[in-house]
């Protein structure tokens, strides 16, 4: 009996020794994304993602090796799911909740792709929906696809490129919402009355 318990303990210790904790945990930085739609009142931003993006794993693809495999860095991870980090970054510039339309983001992709072993970029694909103040109707939709080069071909470079992509997304969202307010005064009135 003692021998069986000792073997089980040694086996568990051997397996546990192969598990590596991440050495680096990243977020999108402390700088607020600069965006503020002038023509629409927003109550805030919410973001969601499919299951494969709802983890803190930092994903990458090796396009030069076929690109069909999605891998993750073993020793680096996000501080939380990417959609939550994007939501937090964008909400730093929105007023406190309590009126106006909501902005719902569906993050379809955030991945570092390697065109060569030394060259990579971040791809960020987001579908945005402007939601009525009561939450019952989508007033406008737009898809955004952004790519930003990574300064280095590693997780740190991918994170820097992701932060740049989210900054650019903020600018594009603000421009889209401003254009929507100008082109569709009834939508602007509905958001601003809520």
Protein backbone atom coordinates (compact mmCIF):
# COMPACT_ATOMS: atom_id res chain seq x y z
CA UNK A 1 0.00 0.00 0.00
CA UNK A 2 2.78 2.42 0.92
CA UNK A 3 4.58 1.61 -2.30
CA UNK A 4 1.44 2.40 -4.34
CA UNK A 5 0.98 5.75 -2.55
CA UNK A 6 4.66 6.61 -3.02
CA UNK A 7 4.46 5.76 -6.74
CA UNK A 8 1.34 7.90 -7.13
CA UNK A 9 3.01 10.86 -5.39
CA UNK A 10 6.12 10.54 -7.57
CA UNK A 11 4.01 10.30 -10.72
CA UNK A 12 2.04 13.42 -9.80
CA UNK A 13 5.24 15.30 -8.98
CA UNK A 14 6.76 14.31 -12.31
CA UNK A 15 3.68 15.45 -14.23
CA UNK A 16 3.42 18.67 -12.26
CA UNK A 17 7.01 19.50 -13.06
CA UNK A 18 6.17 19.77 -16.76
CA UNK A 19 3.59 22.50 -16.22
CA UNK A 20 5.13 25.93 -16.77
CA UNK A 21 3.55 29.05 -15.42
CA UNK A 22 3.56 32.05 -17.76
CA UNK A 23 6.56 34.31 -17.27
CA UNK A 24 4.87 37.38 -18.76
CA UNK A 25 1.32 38.66 -18.47
CA UNK A 26 0.23 41.46 -20.78
CA UNK A 27 -2.65 43.90 -21.16
CA UNK A 28 -3.19 46.76 -23.61
CA UNK A 29 -1.39 49.33 -21.47
CA UNK A 30 -2.67 52.16 -19.33
CA UNK A 31 -3.25 54.74 -22.05
CA UNK A 32 -6.88 55.34 -22.87
CA UNK A 33 -7.95 54.73 -26.45
CA UNK A 34 -8.59 58.17 -27.91
CA UNK A 35 -12.06 58.16 -29.39
CA UNK A 36 -15.18 60.07 -28.61
CA UNK A 37 -18.08 60.18 -31.02
CA UNK A 38 -19.32 63.77 -31.01
CA UNK A 39 -22.75 63.17 -32.48
CA UNK A 40 -24.03 60.28 -30.33
CA UNK A 41 -24.47 59.75 -26.63
CA UNK A 42 -23.09 56.35 -25.58
CA UNK A 43 -23.78 54.53 -22.35
CA UNK A 44 -20.76 52.27 -22.81
CA UNK A 45 -19.11 49.50 -24.74
CA UNK A 46 -19.55 45.76 -24.27
CA UNK A 47 -17.43 43.17 -26.03
CA UNK A 48 -17.75 39.43 -26.52
CA UNK A 49 -15.78 36.78 -28.38
CA UNK A 50 -16.14 33.16 -29.46
CA UNK A 51 -14.83 30.40 -27.20
CA UNK A 52 -11.37 30.21 -28.78
CA UNK A 53 -10.82 33.90 -27.97
CA UNK A 54 -12.42 33.80 -24.53
CA UNK A 55 -9.18 32.75 -22.83
CA UNK A 56 -6.06 34.68 -21.85
CA UNK A 57 -3.93 32.76 -24.37
CA UNK A 58 -1.94 34.88 -26.84
CA UNK A 59 -2.52 33.18 -30.17
CA UNK A 60 -0.37 33.10 -33.29
CA UNK A 61 -0.30 31.45 -36.73
CA UNK A 62 2.70 30.57 -38.86
CA UNK A 63 1.49 31.56 -42.33
CA UNK A 64 4.84 30.58 -43.84
CA UNK A 65 4.21 27.01 -42.59
CA UNK A 66 0.69 26.71 -43.99
CA UNK A 67 -1.23 28.87 -41.53
CA UNK A 68 -3.90 26.30 -40.68
CA UNK A 69 -2.69 25.77 -37.12
CA UNK A 70 -3.50 28.17 -34.30
CA UNK A 71 -0.86 28.02 -31.56
CA UNK A 72 -0.44 29.91 -28.30
CA UNK A 73 2.64 31.20 -26.52
CA UNK A 74 3.63 28.92 -23.64
CA UNK A 75 5.21 31.56 -21.41
CA UNK A 76 3.14 34.65 -22.23
CA UNK A 77 -0.53 35.38 -21.82
CA UNK A 78 -3.08 38.18 -21.71
CA UNK A 79 -4.15 39.49 -18.29
CA UNK A 80 -7.71 38.47 -19.27
CA UNK A 81 -9.69 37.50 -22.34
CA UNK A 82 -8.91 39.89 -25.22
CA UNK A 83 -12.53 41.04 -25.55
CA UNK A 84 -12.53 42.15 -21.90
CA UNK A 85 -9.26 44.06 -22.43
CA UNK A 86 -10.66 45.79 -25.53
CA UNK A 87 -13.88 46.65 -23.69
CA UNK A 88 -11.94 48.14 -20.80
CA UNK A 89 -9.68 50.19 -23.07
CA UNK A 90 -12.63 51.68 -24.98
CA UNK A 91 -14.75 52.32 -21.89
CA UNK A 92 -12.05 54.58 -20.43
CA UNK A 93 -13.28 57.24 -22.89
CA UNK A 94 -17.03 56.74 -22.56
CA UNK A 95 -19.11 58.56 -19.96
CA UNK A 96 -20.49 56.78 -16.95
CA UNK A 97 -23.44 54.51 -17.81
CA UNK A 98 -26.85 56.07 -17.55
CA UNK A 99 -28.29 56.88 -20.91
CA UNK A 100 -27.58 56.79 -24.56
CA UNK A 101 -27.05 53.94 -26.96
CA UNK A 102 -24.84 50.98 -26.28
CA UNK A 103 -22.01 49.84 -28.48
CA UNK A 104 -21.69 46.06 -28.72
CA UNK A 105 -18.53 44.56 -30.19
CA UNK A 106 -18.14 40.99 -31.38
CA UNK A 107 -14.41 40.30 -31.52
CA UNK A 108 -14.04 37.66 -34.21
CA UNK A 109 -10.26 37.52 -34.36
CA UNK A 110 -7.17 38.73 -32.55
CA UNK A 111 -4.12 36.77 -33.66
CA UNK A 112 -0.47 37.38 -34.43
CA UNK A 113 0.38 36.02 -37.87
CA UNK A 114 3.92 35.31 -39.01
CA UNK A 115 4.57 35.82 -42.71
CA UNK A 116 8.19 34.79 -42.13
CA UNK A 117 10.02 33.71 -38.95
CA UNK A 118 11.22 37.32 -38.53
CA UNK A 119 8.10 39.24 -39.62
CA UNK A 120 4.69 39.28 -37.96
CA UNK A 121 1.58 41.40 -37.62
CA UNK A 122 -1.62 41.46 -35.58
CA UNK A 123 -5.01 40.89 -37.18
CA UNK A 124 -8.05 42.27 -35.36
CA UNK A 125 -11.55 41.64 -36.74
CA UNK A 126 -14.52 43.20 -34.97
CA UNK A 127 -18.23 43.56 -35.77
CA UNK A 128 -19.78 46.61 -34.10
CA UNK A 129 -23.48 47.10 -33.38
CA UNK A 130 -25.03 50.34 -32.18
CA UNK A 131 -27.86 49.30 -29.85
CA UNK A 132 -30.87 51.44 -28.89
CA UNK A 133 -30.99 52.74 -25.30
CA UNK A 134 -33.62 50.14 -24.36
CA UNK A 135 -31.39 47.37 -25.73
CA UNK A 136 -34.11 46.00 -27.98
CA UNK A 137 -32.98 47.16 -31.43
CA UNK A 138 -29.78 47.31 -33.41
CA UNK A 139 -29.67 50.74 -35.05
CA UNK A 140 -26.50 50.33 -37.15
CA UNK A 141 -23.79 47.74 -37.84
CA UNK A 142 -20.30 47.79 -39.29
CA UNK A 143 -17.40 45.34 -39.56
CA UNK A 144 -13.82 46.44 -38.97
CA UNK A 145 -10.67 44.58 -39.99
CA UNK A 146 -7.34 45.98 -38.86
CA UNK A 147 -3.74 44.83 -39.23
CA UNK A 148 -0.73 46.34 -37.51
CA UNK A 149 2.92 45.27 -37.87
CA UNK A 150 4.63 43.83 -34.81
CA UNK A 151 7.91 45.56 -33.91
CA UNK A 152 9.42 42.22 -32.89
CA UNK A 153 8.62 38.63 -33.89
CA UNK A 154 7.60 37.46 -30.42
CA UNK A 155 4.75 37.78 -27.90
CA UNK A 156 5.90 41.23 -26.77
CA UNK A 157 5.83 42.49 -30.37
CA UNK A 158 2.39 40.96 -30.89
CA UNK A 159 1.06 42.70 -27.79
CA UNK A 160 2.47 46.06 -28.93
CA UNK A 161 0.81 45.57 -32.32
CA UNK A 162 -2.47 44.60 -30.63
CA UNK A 163 -2.41 47.80 -28.56
CA UNK A 164 -1.85 49.81 -31.76
CA UNK A 165 -4.71 47.97 -33.48
CA UNK A 166 -7.09 48.74 -30.59
CA UNK A 167 -6.07 52.42 -30.72
CA UNK A 168 -6.84 52.41 -34.46
CA UNK A 169 -10.13 50.61 -33.82
CA UNK A 170 -11.15 53.38 -31.43
CA UNK A 171 -10.52 55.99 -34.10
CA UNK A 172 -12.46 54.04 -36.72
CA UNK A 173 -15.38 53.43 -34.33
CA UNK A 174 -15.55 57.14 -33.49
CA UNK A 175 -15.50 58.13 -37.17
CA UNK A 176 -18.21 55.55 -37.99
CA UNK A 177 -20.46 56.73 -35.15
CA UNK A 178 -20.00 60.38 -36.14
CA UNK A 179 -20.85 59.53 -39.76
CA UNK A 180 -23.90 57.56 -38.60
CA UNK A 181 -25.12 60.52 -36.53
CA UNK A 182 -24.76 62.88 -39.51
CA UNK A 183 -26.32 60.48 -42.06
CA UNK A 184 -29.18 59.29 -39.86
CA UNK A 185 -30.55 62.08 -37.61
CA UNK A 186 -33.32 59.80 -36.26
CA UNK A 187 -30.66 57.43 -34.87
CA UNK A 188 -28.80 60.36 -33.31
CA UNK A 189 -32.02 61.66 -31.72
CA UNK A 190 -32.85 58.21 -30.34
CA UNK A 191 -29.39 57.82 -28.77
CA UNK A 192 -29.22 61.35 -27.44
CA UNK A 193 -32.71 61.16 -25.91
CA UNK A 194 -31.92 57.91 -24.09
